[in-house]
Amino acid sequence: MVMVPLTLPLSVAVLTGLLGFVVGALIQQDASYRNLQTTMASDPYIFQRRQQIYEALRLVVQPRQSFYNDSGEHGRDLRSEDNDNSGGDHTSPPPELEDTDSVFANYVKWFQSNMHTVTMFFTFSLGVDPLPEPEPAHVATLMKYGFPGLDDIHVYRNFVLSYDRRNRIAHWVCEHLESDCLTGTESTIVQKPAEYLVDSSIPIIFRASQRDYRNTDWVGGHMASPHNYRCDPLKYCETFIMPNIAPVSRGLKSRVWTRLEAYVRELAIKCGSVYVYTGPLFMPQRITFRNWAIRHQVIGMNTVAVPTHFFKVIIAECKEQDDLPYMEGYVVPNAEVENNLELSAFMSNIRDIEHFAGLKFYDGERRPQLHHNIQTIDSTL
């Protein structure tokens, strides 16, 4: 009886099994990456830790970890973001497009790019522009300069908000203003909501309501101004959501605060792109020579805290002048303020705002001054 050698069948079986395992792993990794990128568009916590998740999912190919800025200089390793604290302590702005993909997706992109080149060659169209890159994730666009803090994050259409459940107001609100939305919209008429909107994702016991502001000396002030979004009725109406509202002095809202909001819009029109962080401050007051205390009012049945001050941190991107962003900080008291004061009187060191707010803003390289500074803005705004 002749014995059939089993070496060849066993080798084929082993190779087939290994090949199936590798292919399955690549497909599973690609599916995980796609799900992660979809979730990252609306979940800021996953977006903040995306590099650690990508590192855990990586199989055999190093993810692309660096980027080049517009001047051609090599940017920092994206994995250095993992060493940043949750307060958004960044040393340079993150890339506008997440550039980490699965092994399977990299091979697909390689095939697509080469097929595009061959097609262009045979159709004599080598001079055309390459295929457009996909749009960046929603959270990545709004939070380009990092999260000042990560307490109870809520993502809306054009602003991101950190909610303070104890005080029933926001810790901070970040919004992105672009000149396209602010120019040529004089004739746009948007219907103002009859009442403030409710965010059902916040538990009822931690919510403020419109009734809390009735029969008080305070009015509801918007952290993200609705006048920034008259180009889009949905974005405009969403600024009336209750977490975006805080108790503001009537004298402040109708005077200096309105002028400061108008200045931000004017800066966005001139620069083209402005990121704004807005929020409350609870500043200490001296009660004796050596002792200080934080004293503030609360209003309504939900005990909504009344801030003693408000801040705005502005990050302007004027690409035609320099690639570096320009930053300004303002602190205004939550009280009636003389309207004849220049806005420059309320400028503040951003590090002082961080100290009293318990937040951390963009800490990277930036330009020292802006050519069209605050003195050029009409004081009647």
Protein backbone atom coordinates (compact mmCIF):
# COMPACT_ATOMS: atom_id res chain seq x y z
CA MET A 1 0.00 0.00 0.00
CA VAL A 2 1.40 3.42 -1.05
CA MET A 3 1.30 6.18 1.60
CA VAL A 4 0.35 9.60 0.17
CA PRO A 5 2.65 12.32 1.58
CA LEU A 6 0.69 14.80 3.69
CA THR A 7 3.21 17.66 3.57
CA LEU A 8 1.67 19.46 0.61
CA PRO A 9 -1.99 19.32 1.75
CA LEU A 10 -1.01 20.39 5.26
CA SER A 11 1.04 23.31 3.91
CA VAL A 12 -1.84 24.44 1.70
CA ALA A 13 -4.28 24.19 4.60
CA VAL A 14 -1.99 26.19 6.89
CA LEU A 15 -1.38 28.89 4.27
CA THR A 16 -5.09 29.11 3.50
CA GLY A 17 -5.90 29.47 7.17
CA LEU A 18 -3.27 32.19 7.66
CA LEU A 19 -4.44 34.05 4.57
CA GLY A 20 -8.04 33.91 5.74
CA PHE A 21 -7.03 35.15 9.19
CA VAL A 22 -5.07 38.10 7.77
CA VAL A 23 -7.84 39.07 5.35
CA GLY A 24 -10.45 38.84 8.12
CA ALA A 25 -8.31 40.94 10.45
CA LEU A 26 -7.84 43.61 7.79
CA ILE A 27 -11.56 43.74 7.02
CA GLN A 28 -12.42 43.89 10.72
CA GLN A 29 -9.89 46.68 11.27
CA ASP A 30 -11.32 48.65 8.37
CA ALA A 31 -14.84 48.28 9.73
CA SER A 32 -13.64 49.43 13.16
CA TYR A 33 -11.94 52.48 11.66
CA ARG A 34 -15.03 53.44 9.71
CA ASN A 35 -17.26 53.13 12.77
CA LEU A 36 -14.76 55.15 14.81
CA GLN A 37 -14.61 57.97 12.28
CA THR A 38 -18.40 58.09 12.08
CA THR A 39 -18.77 58.23 15.86
CA MET A 40 -15.94 60.75 16.19
CA ALA A 41 -17.93 63.30 14.17
CA SER A 42 -20.37 63.76 17.06
CA ASP A 43 -18.63 62.37 20.15
CA PRO A 44 -15.98 64.78 21.50
CA TYR A 45 -14.61 62.30 24.02
CA ILE A 46 -13.73 59.78 21.32
CA PHE A 47 -12.32 62.57 19.16
CA GLN A 48 -10.08 63.76 22.01
CA ARG A 49 -8.57 60.27 22.48
CA ARG A 50 -8.61 59.19 18.85
CA GLN A 51 -4.85 58.66 18.62
CA GLN A 52 -4.82 56.18 21.50
CA ILE A 53 -7.67 54.26 19.88
CA TYR A 54 -5.93 54.28 16.50
CA GLU A 55 -2.77 52.96 18.14
CA ALA A 56 -4.72 50.09 19.70
CA LEU A 57 -6.33 49.18 16.37
CA ARG A 58 -3.12 49.35 14.35
CA LEU A 59 -1.98 46.04 12.85
CA VAL A 60 1.13 46.21 10.69
CA VAL A 61 1.30 49.71 9.23
CA GLN A 62 2.30 52.80 11.18
CA PRO A 63 -0.44 55.44 10.91
CA ARG A 64 0.56 58.70 9.32
CA GLN A 65 1.46 60.78 12.32
CA SER A 66 2.77 64.04 10.94
CA PHE A 67 1.52 66.78 8.74
CA TYR A 68 2.96 69.65 6.78
CA ASN A 69 1.79 73.18 7.26
CA ASP A 70 1.27 75.61 4.42
CA SER A 71 4.88 76.80 4.55
CA GLY A 72 6.18 73.28 3.95
CA GLU A 73 7.69 72.86 7.40
CA HIS A 74 7.27 69.55 9.13
CA GLY A 75 4.59 69.64 11.80
CA ARG A 76 4.56 67.90 15.13
CA ASP A 77 3.78 64.23 15.71
CA LEU A 78 0.06 63.87 16.21
CA ARG A 79 0.59 61.31 18.95
CA SER A 80 1.96 64.08 21.13
CA GLU A 81 -1.69 65.01 21.63
CA ASP A 82 -1.99 62.00 23.90
CA ASN A 83 0.36 63.70 26.34
CA ASP A 84 -1.85 66.78 26.45
CA ASN A 85 -4.17 67.08 29.40
CA SER A 86 -7.89 67.15 28.99
CA GLY A 87 -7.84 70.93 29.09
CA GLY A 88 -6.61 71.20 25.54
CA ASP A 89 -2.99 72.23 26.21
CA HIS A 90 -1.82 72.18 22.60
CA THR A 91 1.52 73.34 21.28
CA SER A 92 0.33 73.77 17.69
CA PRO A 93 -3.03 73.60 15.92
CA PRO A 94 -4.12 70.09 14.93
CA PRO A 95 -4.52 69.20 11.25
CA GLU A 96 -7.85 70.10 9.71
CA LEU A 97 -8.33 66.56 8.43
CA GLU A 98 -7.87 63.32 10.32
CA ASP A 99 -5.25 61.42 8.30
CA THR A 100 -5.16 58.01 10.01
CA ASP A 101 -6.70 55.09 8.11
CA SER A 102 -6.83 51.31 8.34
CA VAL A 103 -4.50 49.07 6.35
CA PHE A 104 -7.35 48.03 4.07
CA ALA A 105 -8.38 51.65 3.48
CA ASN A 106 -4.78 52.60 2.65
CA TYR A 107 -4.64 49.92 -0.06
CA VAL A 108 -8.00 51.08 -1.44
CA LYS A 109 -6.79 54.69 -1.55
CA TRP A 110 -3.57 53.60 -3.27
CA PHE A 111 -5.54 51.72 -5.91
CA GLN A 112 -7.92 54.63 -6.44
CA SER A 113 -5.14 57.19 -6.75
CA ASN A 114 -3.22 55.07 -9.27
CA MET A 115 -6.33 54.36 -11.31
CA HIS A 116 -7.01 58.10 -11.37
CA THR A 117 -3.47 58.76 -12.65
CA VAL A 118 -3.75 56.14 -15.40
CA THR A 119 -7.15 57.47 -16.46
CA MET A 120 -5.83 61.03 -16.59
CA PHE A 121 -2.84 59.89 -18.65
CA PHE A 122 -4.91 58.16 -21.32
CA THR A 123 -7.40 61.03 -21.50
CA PHE A 124 -4.59 63.63 -21.70
CA SER A 125 -5.84 65.30 -18.50
CA LEU A 126 -2.74 65.19 -16.33
CA GLY A 127 -3.04 68.91 -15.64
CA VAL A 128 -6.32 68.75 -13.74
CA ASP A 129 -6.57 69.04 -9.99
CA PRO A 130 -6.47 65.87 -7.89
CA LEU A 131 -9.57 64.36 -6.36
CA PRO A 132 -10.93 66.53 -3.52
CA GLU A 133 -10.27 65.41 0.02
CA PRO A 134 -13.29 64.50 2.16
CA GLU A 135 -14.68 67.05 4.58
CA PRO A 136 -13.25 66.95 8.12
CA ALA A 137 -15.29 65.65 11.02
CA HIS A 138 -17.74 68.05 12.63
CA VAL A 139 -16.09 68.10 16.07
CA ALA A 140 -12.62 68.37 14.50
CA THR A 141 -13.72 71.47 12.61
CA LEU A 142 -15.20 73.27 15.62
CA MET A 143 -12.56 72.24 18.16
CA LYS A 144 -9.49 72.87 16.01
CA TYR A 145 -7.70 74.58 18.92
CA GLY A 146 -8.60 72.04 21.56
CA PHE A 147 -11.04 71.56 24.42
CA PRO A 148 -10.58 73.94 27.39
CA GLY A 149 -12.19 71.24 29.53
CA LEU A 150 -14.14 68.01 29.09
CA ASP A 151 -17.02 68.31 31.56
CA ASP A 152 -20.40 67.22 30.13
CA ILE A 153 -19.77 68.09 26.46
CA HIS A 154 -22.70 68.82 24.13
CA VAL A 155 -22.25 69.21 20.36
CA TYR A 156 -24.60 71.39 18.34
CA ARG A 157 -24.69 72.50 14.71
CA ASN A 158 -22.11 75.26 14.96
CA PHE A 159 -20.94 75.35 18.55
CA VAL A 160 -19.73 72.98 21.24
CA LEU A 161 -20.66 73.49 24.88
CA SER A 162 -19.44 72.22 28.25
CA TYR A 163 -22.30 72.25 30.75
CA ASP A 164 -21.97 73.01 34.45
CA ARG A 165 -24.67 70.93 36.14
CA ARG A 166 -24.16 72.51 39.54
CA ASN A 167 -24.58 76.11 38.34
CA ARG A 168 -27.08 75.28 35.53
CA ILE A 169 -25.08 77.28 32.97
CA ALA A 170 -22.23 76.52 30.58
CA HIS A 171 -18.58 76.22 31.61
CA TRP A 172 -17.64 77.42 28.12
CA VAL A 173 -19.02 77.60 24.60
CA CYS A 174 -16.84 77.34 21.49
CA GLU A 175 -18.07 78.52 18.09
CA HIS A 176 -16.54 79.00 14.65
CA LEU A 177 -17.42 82.17 12.73
CA GLU A 178 -16.74 82.47 9.00
CA SER A 179 -17.05 85.52 6.80
CA ASP A 180 -19.30 83.72 4.29
CA CYS A 181 -22.11 83.51 6.84
CA LEU A 182 -21.73 87.12 7.99
CA THR A 183 -21.65 88.95 4.66
CA GLY A 184 -24.54 89.56 2.33
CA THR A 185 -27.24 88.49 4.82
CA GLU A 186 -28.83 91.90 5.57
CA SER A 187 -32.11 90.88 3.94
CA THR A 188 -32.35 87.54 5.72
CA ILE A 189 -35.30 87.44 8.13
CA VAL A 190 -35.21 84.69 10.75
CA GLN A 191 -38.08 83.92 13.10
CA LYS A 192 -37.02 84.09 16.75
CA PRO A 193 -38.29 81.17 18.88
CA ALA A 194 -41.10 82.10 21.25
CA GLU A 195 -39.35 80.33 24.15
CA TYR A 196 -35.94 78.95 24.93
CA LEU A 197 -35.37 75.43 23.68
CA VAL A 198 -34.79 72.46 25.99
CA ASP A 199 -31.86 70.06 25.70
CA SER A 200 -33.37 66.70 26.66
CA SER A 201 -29.91 65.12 27.03
CA ILE A 202 -29.44 67.05 30.29
CA PRO A 203 -31.24 65.46 33.28
CA ILE A 204 -34.25 67.45 34.47
CA ILE A 205 -32.82 68.06 37.95
CA PHE A 206 -29.81 69.86 36.40
CA ARG A 207 -31.70 72.02 33.91
CA ALA A 208 -32.48 75.71 34.08
CA SER A 209 -35.77 77.00 32.70
CA GLN A 210 -37.09 80.25 31.32
CA ARG A 211 -39.21 80.68 34.46
CA ASP A 212 -36.04 81.10 36.52
CA TYR A 213 -35.42 84.48 34.83
CA ARG A 214 -38.88 85.94 35.47
CA ASN A 215 -39.23 88.76 38.00
CA THR A 216 -35.45 89.09 38.42
CA ASP A 217 -32.88 91.77 37.66
CA TRP A 218 -31.22 89.50 35.11
CA VAL A 219 -31.98 88.57 31.51
CA GLY A 220 -30.98 85.56 29.46
CA GLY A 221 -27.77 86.23 27.60
CA HIS A 222 -26.44 84.07 24.77
CA MET A 223 -22.92 82.70 25.03
CA ALA A 224 -23.00 81.93 21.29
CA SER A 225 -24.78 84.90 19.77
CA PRO A 226 -27.73 84.21 17.42
CA HIS A 227 -26.66 87.19 15.29
CA ASN A 228 -23.65 85.15 14.17
CA TYR A 229 -25.91 82.73 12.28
CA ARG A 230 -28.55 84.74 10.43
CA CYS A 231 -27.44 82.94 7.28
CA ASP A 232 -28.83 79.64 8.61
CA PRO A 233 -32.24 79.51 10.34
CA LEU A 234 -31.48 76.18 12.04
CA LYS A 235 -28.19 77.40 13.52
CA TYR A 236 -29.86 80.67 14.52
CA CYS A 237 -32.67 78.95 16.39
CA GLU A 238 -30.31 76.51 18.08
CA THR A 239 -28.52 79.36 19.87
CA PHE A 240 -31.75 79.75 21.89
CA ILE A 241 -31.20 76.38 23.56
CA MET A 242 -31.19 76.71 27.33
CA PRO A 243 -27.61 75.53 28.05
CA ASN A 244 -26.37 78.41 25.85
CA ILE A 245 -28.13 80.93 28.11
CA ALA A 246 -26.72 82.57 31.25
CA PRO A 247 -27.98 85.36 33.56
CA VAL A 248 -26.66 88.69 32.26
CA SER A 249 -27.12 92.21 33.60
CA ARG A 250 -29.50 94.26 31.47
CA GLY A 251 -27.00 97.11 31.35
CA LEU A 252 -24.20 94.81 30.18
CA LYS A 253 -26.21 92.98 27.51
CA SER A 254 -27.49 96.12 25.83
CA ARG A 255 -24.16 97.93 25.87
CA VAL A 256 -20.62 96.56 26.13
CA TRP A 257 -21.53 92.90 25.53
CA THR A 258 -23.37 93.77 22.33
CA ARG A 259 -20.39 95.81 21.12
CA LEU A 260 -18.01 92.97 21.91
CA GLU A 261 -20.12 90.51 19.93
CA ALA A 262 -20.21 92.96 17.02
CA TYR A 263 -16.42 93.29 17.19
CA VAL A 264 -16.04 89.52 16.92
CA ARG A 265 -18.23 89.46 13.81
CA GLU A 266 -16.29 92.35 12.28
CA LEU A 267 -13.04 90.50 12.94
CA ALA A 268 -14.45 87.36 11.33
CA ILE A 269 -15.41 89.35 8.21
CA LYS A 270 -11.93 90.86 7.95
CA CYS A 271 -10.00 87.67 8.71
CA GLY A 272 -12.33 85.10 7.22
CA SER A 273 -12.25 82.65 10.15
CA VAL A 274 -12.52 83.23 13.90
CA TYR A 275 -12.88 80.76 16.78
CA VAL A 276 -14.51 82.14 19.93
CA TYR A 277 -14.60 80.70 23.46
CA THR A 278 -17.18 82.34 25.72
CA GLY A 279 -18.09 81.58 29.30
CA PRO A 280 -18.80 82.76 32.86
CA LEU A 281 -16.34 83.70 35.59
CA PHE A 282 -16.80 83.72 39.34
CA MET A 283 -14.18 86.19 40.56
CA PRO A 284 -13.15 86.43 44.24
CA GLN A 285 -13.76 89.58 46.28
CA ARG A 286 -11.77 90.80 49.27
CA ILE A 287 -13.75 90.50 52.52
CA THR A 288 -10.91 91.35 54.94
CA PHE A 289 -7.31 92.36 54.49
CA ARG A 290 -6.13 88.74 54.22
CA ASN A 291 -9.29 86.89 53.19
CA TRP A 292 -11.12 86.61 49.91
CA ALA A 293 -14.46 85.02 49.02
CA ILE A 294 -16.48 84.21 45.92
CA ARG A 295 -19.96 85.61 46.28
CA HIS A 296 -22.64 85.40 43.62
CA GLN A 297 -26.41 85.35 43.38
CA VAL A 298 -28.68 82.53 42.27
CA ILE A 299 -32.06 82.94 40.62
CA GLY A 300 -35.21 80.87 40.23
CA MET A 301 -36.35 77.58 41.69
CA ASN A 302 -33.46 75.81 39.93
CA THR A 303 -30.89 78.07 41.64
CA VAL A 304 -29.22 79.22 38.43
CA ALA A 305 -25.87 80.80 39.30
CA VAL A 306 -25.29 84.43 38.30
CA PRO A 307 -21.66 84.91 37.18
CA THR A 308 -19.71 87.89 38.46
CA HIS A 309 -17.95 88.29 35.09
CA PHE A 310 -17.89 86.88 31.56
CA PHE A 311 -14.93 86.14 29.31
CA LYS A 312 -14.27 85.82 25.60
CA VAL A 313 -11.14 84.27 24.13
CA ILE A 314 -10.82 85.02 20.41
CA ILE A 315 -8.59 83.11 17.98
CA ALA A 316 -8.43 84.79 14.56
CA GLU A 317 -7.03 83.13 11.44
CA CYS A 318 -5.96 85.72 8.85
CA LYS A 319 -4.41 83.51 6.18
CA GLU A 320 -3.53 86.32 3.82
CA GLN A 321 -1.11 87.76 6.39
CA ASP A 322 0.36 84.85 8.29
CA ASP A 323 -0.32 81.21 9.01
CA LEU A 324 -0.14 81.79 12.76
CA PRO A 325 -3.37 82.55 14.67
CA TYR A 326 -3.89 85.71 16.68
CA MET A 327 -5.43 85.57 20.18
CA GLU A 328 -7.20 88.11 22.37
CA GLY A 329 -8.90 87.77 25.72
CA TYR A 330 -11.64 89.94 27.28
CA VAL A 331 -13.22 89.99 30.73
CA VAL A 332 -16.29 92.13 31.43
CA PRO A 333 -18.12 92.49 34.76
CA ASN A 334 -21.69 91.22 34.90
CA ALA A 335 -23.02 94.64 35.85
CA GLU A 336 -24.06 97.88 34.20
CA VAL A 337 -21.00 99.33 32.49
CA GLU A 338 -20.53 102.78 31.00
CA ASN A 339 -21.05 102.56 27.26
CA ASN A 340 -18.41 105.17 26.45
CA LEU A 341 -15.56 102.88 27.54
CA GLU A 342 -13.36 101.47 24.77
CA LEU A 343 -13.42 97.71 24.36
CA SER A 344 -9.66 97.70 24.85
CA ALA A 345 -10.32 98.61 28.51
CA PHE A 346 -11.65 95.07 29.01
CA MET A 347 -8.75 93.20 27.39
CA SER A 348 -7.24 90.61 29.73
CA ASN A 349 -4.32 88.23 29.85
CA ILE A 350 -5.53 84.83 28.65
CA ARG A 351 -3.54 83.09 31.38
CA ASP A 352 -5.49 85.09 33.99
CA ILE A 353 -8.74 83.89 32.41
CA GLU A 354 -7.46 80.31 32.60
CA HIS A 355 -6.59 80.79 36.27
CA PHE A 356 -10.04 81.96 37.34
CA ALA A 357 -12.06 79.79 34.93
CA GLY A 358 -10.15 76.57 35.57
CA LEU A 359 -9.76 76.06 31.81
CA LYS A 360 -6.83 75.67 29.44
CA PHE A 361 -6.85 77.34 26.04
CA TYR A 362 -4.61 76.99 23.00
CA ASP A 363 -1.00 77.41 24.08
CA GLY A 364 0.83 77.13 20.77
CA GLU A 365 2.72 79.59 18.61
CA ARG A 366 0.79 82.67 17.56
CA ARG A 367 1.35 86.09 16.06
CA PRO A 368 2.01 88.96 18.49
CA GLN A 369 -0.45 91.46 17.02
CA LEU A 370 -3.08 91.99 14.36
CA HIS A 371 -2.78 94.64 11.65
CA HIS A 372 -6.44 95.62 12.01
CA ASN A 373 -6.60 95.71 15.78
CA ILE A 374 -9.43 96.77 18.03
CA GLN A 375 -8.76 100.45 17.57
CA THR A 376 -9.97 100.23 13.97
CA ILE A 377 -13.40 98.94 14.96
CA ASP A 378 -16.12 101.55 15.14
CA SER A 379 -16.71 102.36 18.81
CA THR A 380 -20.42 102.79 18.11
CA LEU A 381 -20.85 99.05 17.47
